[in-house]
C-alpha cells in the first residue's frame, strides 16, 4: 500500500497548537474490501518518545513546544479481505515545523513560575532576560481549547514600570486541558527571544490553609485535632492533609514530626512524651486523584497546654502543707497561752 500524500503543518496562531493534515494514498479506491487507517506520530525535536494516534481522520490539531522543532510522521495501515486479514503498512512520510526564533537564548525571560491559587486565579511571574535592555516591554498571551484565538493578559504585575507577572482569572474552562502560554518581549533596536510553555492548571494548584483547626485532649490524654477544608474553589474531595506534632521537652526545642497524611479532616494523636505543651499543625494540597502533583498550603497551627503529673501532685500537696503548717502554728500559740 502507498503512503499518504501531501503531509503538511500549519500554525493557526494558537501558541503551540498546530494543524497537521494529509491526503489519502492515490490508489485507495482499489482496496474496497479492506479497512484503511493511519498511524500518526508526533514529538518535539530532542524528545526520545513519539506520541502515537491511530485514526481514520485526515487532520489533527496537537500541541507542541514552539521553542523546538515539531516533527510528525504518518503511514497507511491496510487490513481486510484484500490482505487476507494481515495488516499491511506503508512507508512513512515526514514533515517538520519550526517557528523562526528571533533574538539570542539569553534574551528570553528567566524564572518563569505559575501557581493556581485556590483553583480561582493563576499568578505567573518572571524576571527579565539577561540581555534584556532597559525599557523592555513584556506581554503574556494564552490559549486553551475553547477560545477562538489567543488572548492577552489584562492584569499585569509591574516592577519599576516593567511587566514581571500576570494574574489570570476565570480559567475554570481550562482545567484539565493544555494551557498554552507565550511571554514575548519587545525593545527598541533589540530582538528578544519569546518563551513558549504549556501548563496544566490542576498540577499548579495551591490551596489556602485549612480553617478552624481545633485541638482538644481526651480523658486518656490523647490529642484530638479537627479542621475544615479551606475556602475558595478548591474541590474538597481533591484535598489531602499533612498533620505534624511537636511536643515541648522543657529546655529542649520542640521538633515537628509527621503524624499522618490523609484525606479526612480529623485525627486522634497519642502523645509520646506526656509533655507540658503539644502543638499540632496542618496543611493541605491537591491529592493524587485530582492531580499528578501540586503545592502545599501554608500551615495552620494550634498549641495545647497540659499540666505535668508532678505539677498536679504538687498543686494538691501545697494546700495540704499550708493547712498543716497553719494548724501547727495555732496549736503552738495556744500552748504558749496556757503556760502563761
Foldseek 3Di string as FASTA:
>chain_A
DAWWADWDWDDPQQQFWIKTFTHGDPVVVVQPFKDKKKWKWKAFPPDPDIDIDIGRDGMDIDGYFQQTKIKMKMWMWIAGPVVPRDIDIHDIDIDIDHDPWDADPQQEWADWDWACELVFKIKIFTHGGPPDDPPKEKWKWKDWPPDPHIDTAPAFDDDPRYGGMGMGGDCPVCAPTWMWMKIAMDDPPHHGGIGIDIDHRQQRYEYAFWADWDWDADPVGKIKIFTHGGDGNRPLQFKKKWKWKWADPDVDDTDIDTDDIGSHGMDIGDDDPQGQKMKMKMWMGGDPVRYVHYDIHDIDMDMDGDDHPVVVVVVVVVVVVVVVVVVVVVVVVVVVVVVD
